[in-house]
Protein backbone atom coordinates (compact mmCIF):
# COMPACT_ATOMS: atom_id res chain seq x y z
CA MET A 1 179.74 109.74 97.31
CA GLN A 2 177.64 112.10 95.23
CA SER A 3 177.44 115.87 95.46
CA TRP A 4 174.36 117.75 94.34
CA SER A 5 172.75 121.17 94.15
CA ALA A 6 169.17 121.96 93.13
CA ILE A 7 168.07 124.83 90.95
CA SER A 8 168.01 128.21 92.65
CA LEU A 9 165.96 131.08 91.23
CA PRO A 10 165.61 134.66 92.45
CA PRO A 11 162.13 134.64 94.05
CA LEU A 12 161.06 138.13 92.97
CA GLY A 13 162.54 139.19 89.64
CA LEU A 14 161.45 136.22 87.58
CA ALA A 15 157.96 136.19 89.08
CA VAL A 16 157.53 139.87 88.17
CA ALA A 17 158.70 139.25 84.63
CA LEU A 18 156.32 136.32 84.15
CA ALA A 19 153.38 138.21 85.62
CA THR A 20 154.10 141.04 83.18
CA ALA A 21 154.14 138.65 80.25
CA PHE A 22 150.84 137.08 81.35
CA PRO A 23 148.36 139.66 82.70
CA SER A 24 146.43 136.98 84.55
CA GLY A 25 149.52 136.28 86.61
CA LEU A 26 151.58 133.15 87.17
CA ALA A 27 151.45 132.75 90.93
CA VAL A 28 151.08 129.04 91.47
CA ALA A 29 147.75 128.01 92.97
CA ALA A 30 147.12 125.33 95.56
CA ASP A 31 148.91 122.22 94.37
CA PRO A 32 147.09 118.86 94.47
CA LEU A 33 150.33 117.00 93.80
CA PRO A 34 151.70 115.05 96.77
CA PRO A 35 154.65 116.73 98.50
CA GLY A 36 158.13 115.65 97.54
CA LEU A 37 159.04 113.11 94.91
CA ILE A 38 156.49 110.92 93.15
CA GLU A 39 157.60 107.29 93.00
CA LEU A 40 156.71 104.55 90.52
CA ARG A 41 157.72 100.91 90.98
CA ASP A 42 157.52 97.89 88.69
CA GLY A 43 159.66 94.77 88.34
CA ASN A 44 163.35 95.62 88.60
CA SER A 45 162.74 99.35 88.26
CA THR A 46 162.05 102.37 90.48
CA TYR A 47 161.39 105.85 89.07
CA GLN A 48 161.31 108.98 91.23
CA ALA A 49 160.56 112.47 89.93
CA ASP A 50 159.31 115.91 90.82
CA LEU A 51 156.90 116.62 87.96
CA LEU A 52 157.05 120.36 88.42
CA ARG A 53 160.71 121.24 88.43
CA PHE A 54 164.35 120.27 88.19
CA SER A 55 165.20 118.02 91.15
CA GLU A 56 168.57 116.85 92.38
CA ASP A 57 166.85 113.67 93.53
CA GLN A 58 165.25 112.57 90.26
CA SER A 59 166.20 108.97 89.64
CA TRP A 60 165.49 105.92 87.49
CA LEU A 61 167.05 102.81 89.00
CA VAL A 62 167.16 99.64 86.91
CA ASP A 63 168.41 96.66 88.92
CA GLY A 64 169.85 99.21 91.34
CA VAL A 65 171.79 101.11 88.66
CA GLU A 66 171.06 104.79 87.97
CA THR A 67 170.09 105.54 84.35
CA ILE A 68 168.81 109.13 84.31
CA PHE A 69 169.67 112.59 85.60
CA THR A 70 166.90 114.89 84.34
CA ASP A 71 163.60 114.47 82.49
CA LEU A 72 161.56 117.66 81.94
CA TYR A 73 158.83 119.29 79.85
CA PHE A 74 158.72 122.92 78.73
CA LEU A 75 156.10 124.99 76.88
CA ASN A 76 156.28 128.07 74.70
CA LEU A 77 153.03 129.86 73.82
CA GLY A 78 153.54 131.50 70.46
CA ASN A 79 151.34 134.52 71.09
CA SER A 80 152.95 135.43 74.40
CA ALA A 81 155.93 137.60 75.29
CA ALA A 82 157.22 135.19 77.95
CA PRO A 83 160.80 135.85 79.05
CA ARG A 84 161.55 132.12 78.81
CA GLU A 85 159.95 128.75 78.17
CA LEU A 86 157.29 127.83 80.72
CA ARG A 87 157.90 124.94 83.09
CA LEU A 88 155.22 122.88 84.80
CA GLU A 89 155.96 124.72 88.04
CA ASP A 90 154.69 127.88 86.29
CA LEU A 91 151.29 126.28 85.69
CA ARG A 92 148.31 125.55 87.92
CA SER A 93 147.97 121.94 89.06
CA VAL A 94 144.44 120.78 88.28
CA ALA A 95 144.38 117.06 89.05
CA PHE A 96 146.60 114.18 90.12
CA SER A 97 146.04 110.44 90.56
CA GLN A 98 148.22 107.38 91.03
CA PRO A 99 145.93 104.43 90.23
CA ALA A 100 148.69 101.82 90.47
CA SER A 101 152.22 101.57 91.84
CA ASN A 102 153.63 101.93 88.33
CA ARG A 103 151.35 104.65 86.96
CA LEU A 104 150.46 108.31 87.49
CA SER A 105 148.29 110.91 85.77
CA ALA A 106 148.34 114.68 86.20
CA THR A 107 146.79 117.72 84.54
CA PHE A 108 148.02 121.32 84.58
CA SER A 109 146.56 124.53 83.22
CA THR A 110 148.14 127.80 82.11
CA PHE A 111 146.99 131.01 83.74
CA GLY A 112 144.92 132.99 81.26
CA ALA A 113 146.28 131.15 78.19
CA ASN A 114 143.58 128.47 77.88
CA LEU A 115 145.93 125.51 77.56
CA ASN A 116 145.72 122.23 79.47
CA PHE A 117 148.77 119.97 79.76
CA SER A 118 148.08 116.36 80.76
CA ILE A 119 150.56 113.57 81.41
CA ASP A 120 149.97 109.84 81.85
CA SER A 121 153.16 108.00 82.82
CA VAL A 122 153.61 104.23 83.11
CA LEU A 123 156.72 102.41 84.32
CA LEU A 124 157.36 98.98 82.79
CA GLY A 125 160.09 97.25 84.74
CA GLY A 126 161.88 94.15 83.53
CA THR A 127 162.68 90.91 85.28
CA PRO A 128 165.32 91.07 88.04
CA ASN A 129 168.91 91.21 86.75
CA SER A 130 167.78 91.76 83.16
CA TYR A 131 169.09 95.35 83.31
CA ARG A 132 166.32 96.59 81.08
CA ALA A 133 163.17 98.62 81.66
CA ALA A 134 160.87 101.09 79.89
CA ARG A 135 158.63 104.07 80.58
CA GLN A 136 155.71 105.20 78.45
CA GLU A 137 154.39 108.77 78.67
CA THR A 138 151.35 110.20 76.91
CA ILE A 139 151.22 113.99 76.77
CA THR A 140 147.98 115.73 75.75
CA LEU A 141 147.75 119.45 74.98
CA THR A 142 144.22 120.88 74.82
CA ASN A 143 143.10 124.35 73.76
CA THR A 144 140.27 125.14 76.17
CA GLY A 145 139.74 128.66 74.80
CA THR A 146 137.71 130.20 71.99
CA ASP A 147 140.67 131.35 69.84
CA TRP A 148 143.40 129.54 67.97
CA LEU A 149 146.49 128.90 70.11
CA ASP A 150 150.06 128.39 68.87
CA VAL A 151 152.10 126.26 71.24
CA SER A 152 155.51 124.58 71.30
CA LEU A 153 156.14 121.52 73.47
CA PHE A 154 159.70 120.66 74.49
CA LYS A 155 160.69 117.24 75.81
CA TYR A 156 164.14 117.26 77.46
CA ILE A 157 165.99 114.20 78.75
CA ASP A 158 169.45 113.58 80.15
CA TYR A 159 170.29 109.90 80.43
CA ASP A 160 173.13 108.92 82.76
CA LEU A 161 174.09 105.39 81.78
CA GLN A 162 176.06 104.50 84.89
CA PHE A 163 176.59 100.88 83.96
CA ASP A 164 180.29 101.63 83.51
CA GLY A 165 180.52 104.56 85.94
CA VAL A 166 181.56 107.04 83.23
CA LEU A 167 179.31 109.89 82.08
CA ASP A 168 181.32 111.52 79.32
CA ASN A 169 182.03 108.80 76.77
CA ASP A 170 178.60 108.41 75.16
CA THR A 171 177.55 108.50 71.52
CA ALA A 172 174.10 109.75 70.47
CA LEU A 173 172.02 110.05 67.31
CA PHE A 174 168.44 110.92 66.33
CA SER A 175 166.92 109.02 63.39
CA ASN A 176 163.45 107.79 62.41
CA ASN A 177 161.78 109.56 65.38
CA THR A 178 164.10 107.79 67.83
CA TYR A 179 166.98 109.15 69.89
CA THR A 180 169.62 106.53 70.75
CA GLN A 181 172.41 106.96 73.31
CA ALA A 182 175.04 104.32 74.06
CA ASP A 183 178.30 103.95 75.95
CA SER A 184 181.32 101.67 75.82
CA SER A 185 179.94 99.27 78.44
CA GLY A 186 177.14 98.13 76.12
CA ALA A 187 174.52 100.28 77.86
CA ARG A 188 171.88 101.73 75.56
CA ALA A 189 169.00 104.16 76.04
CA THR A 190 166.36 105.32 73.59
CA LEU A 191 163.60 107.92 73.44
CA SER A 192 161.00 107.40 70.71
CA VAL A 193 157.99 109.50 69.77
CA ASP A 194 155.04 108.70 67.51
CA GLN A 195 155.34 111.83 65.35
CA ALA A 196 158.10 113.85 63.75
CA PRO A 197 159.49 116.69 65.87
CA THR A 198 159.83 120.20 64.47
CA ALA A 199 163.43 120.19 65.69
CA VAL A 200 165.80 117.95 67.66
CA GLN A 201 168.91 119.22 69.42
CA ILE A 202 171.63 117.00 70.87
CA SER A 203 174.13 118.95 72.98
CA PRO A 204 176.64 118.40 75.79
CA TYR A 205 175.23 118.73 79.28
CA GLY A 206 174.66 122.29 80.40
CA GLN A 207 174.33 124.03 77.04
CA LEU A 208 170.87 122.74 76.20
CA LEU A 209 169.43 123.02 79.70
CA ALA A 210 170.70 126.59 79.97
CA GLN A 211 169.07 127.38 76.64
CA LEU A 212 165.69 126.17 77.87
CA TYR A 213 165.95 127.89 81.27
CA ASN A 214 167.35 131.22 80.11
CA SER A 215 165.75 134.23 78.46
CA PRO A 216 164.49 134.69 75.88
CA ALA A 217 162.02 131.96 74.99
CA THR A 218 163.32 130.46 71.77
CA GLY A 219 163.35 127.38 69.58
CA LEU A 220 165.90 124.60 69.43
CA GLU A 221 168.95 124.66 67.19
CA PRO A 222 168.51 121.60 64.92
CA ASN A 223 171.35 119.18 65.63
CA PRO A 224 170.30 115.51 65.39
CA GLY A 225 173.85 114.21 65.70
CA PRO A 226 175.83 112.11 65.52
CA PHE A 227 177.23 113.18 68.88
CA VAL A 228 180.47 111.37 69.79
CA ASP A 229 182.37 110.77 73.02
CA GLY A 230 180.68 113.18 75.39
CA ASP A 231 178.00 113.77 78.03
CA ALA A 232 174.95 113.88 75.76
CA THR A 233 171.56 115.47 76.37
CA VAL A 234 168.65 115.89 73.95
CA ALA A 235 165.47 117.91 73.51
CA PHE A 236 162.58 117.52 71.07
CA GLN A 237 160.48 120.50 69.93
CA PHE A 238 156.94 120.18 68.57
CA ASP A 239 155.19 123.27 67.13
CA ARG A 240 151.42 123.01 66.87
CA GLY A 241 148.48 125.31 66.16
CA LEU A 242 145.36 124.25 68.07
CA ALA A 243 141.84 125.27 67.11
CA PRO A 244 139.38 126.01 69.94
CA GLY A 245 138.63 122.74 71.73
CA GLU A 246 141.31 120.83 69.79
CA SER A 247 143.79 118.43 71.41
CA VAL A 248 147.08 116.97 70.24
CA VAL A 249 148.57 113.80 71.75
CA PHE A 250 152.24 112.79 71.93
CA ASN A 251 153.32 109.26 72.86
CA PHE A 252 156.88 108.91 74.18
CA VAL A 253 158.63 105.60 74.94
CA MET A 254 161.89 105.58 76.93
CA GLN A 255 163.92 102.39 77.22
CA VAL A 256 167.20 101.52 78.89
CA GLN A 257 169.20 98.30 78.75
CA ARG A 258 172.67 96.90 79.26
CA GLN A 259 174.31 94.18 77.22
CA ALA A 260 177.16 93.52 79.64
CA THR A 261 176.54 91.19 82.61
CA SER A 262 179.19 92.48 85.05
CA LYS A 263 177.94 94.28 88.12
CA ALA A 264 177.90 98.07 87.80
CA VAL A 265 180.18 100.17 90.00
CA PRO A 266 178.49 103.12 91.73
CA GLU A 267 179.66 106.46 90.41
CA PRO A 268 181.52 108.88 92.68
CA GLY A 269 180.20 112.38 92.27
CA THR A 270 181.76 115.79 92.25
CA ALA A 271 180.29 119.18 91.59
CA PHE A 272 180.13 120.77 88.16
CA ALA A 273 178.68 124.25 88.24
CA LEU A 274 177.04 126.30 85.51
CA GLY A 275 176.13 129.97 85.69
CA PHE A 276 172.86 131.05 84.09
CA VAL A 277 173.02 134.85 83.69
CA ALA A 278 169.44 135.80 82.80
CA ALA A 279 167.62 133.84 85.48
CA GLY A 280 170.40 133.62 88.04
CA LEU A 281 170.14 129.83 87.73
CA ALA A 282 172.75 127.55 89.29
CA LEU A 283 173.02 123.81 88.64
CA LEU A 284 175.41 121.18 89.84
CA ARG A 285 175.67 117.87 88.05
CA ARG A 286 177.17 114.66 89.30
CA ARG A 287 180.28 113.73 87.39
CA ILE A 288 183.25 111.43 87.72
């Protein structure tokens, strides 16, 4: 049985701080996204996510086996005095569509910062009992203003390769624009990008997520691994300067697979709490 807790933020203090950093305000406008989790299905794979925020219910099942805990994007606008990295829940939802059962597209806009963030996500499931699947995500950042805009994009992912039911025995390494995580059962996950990141940080669970959620907004601490025998997480940072009207496109490919053929054992969960001082953030993560 699994135990969970979602993110909890003080409703007033953080909103005041963000509104101070951005004079136009950061109160979220009417949201065209559907309520609850967005679900993609294809082949042997089901992906569920809340695009806006950390969710205890995010999931990527491959032949019924869980393979992910958290998958998030963050932004840092170089000319701002933001108390922390922006999350998609801080932005205004502009458009959403789900043209097929395995695909979604969404666009968000910053308040007063003239930046559009667009995501196109496609799930590519494998054949039943192959224990392999992939997701492709295209992220487009567009400067819609009349001045140059410095921006940092952060891609954070926390694979949970539950093919052996153990979360803390993984190895991880970033090389040649690809992050690779594996465990003793033969399970393997990768995250590849089509351009070199400014920085890559591999850290144990909790440390990296706290860094991205907490004040102040900052860059990653370069640490591409190798990471050995632990509960690995990773984030990529991309620093870009966009001219007025300019766009930059990032193509991410995430793949999971298992070499072993034995049936996976569901993981029992217990609570593991982290305190986040600056934002009053509390997380619980499923563990053995």
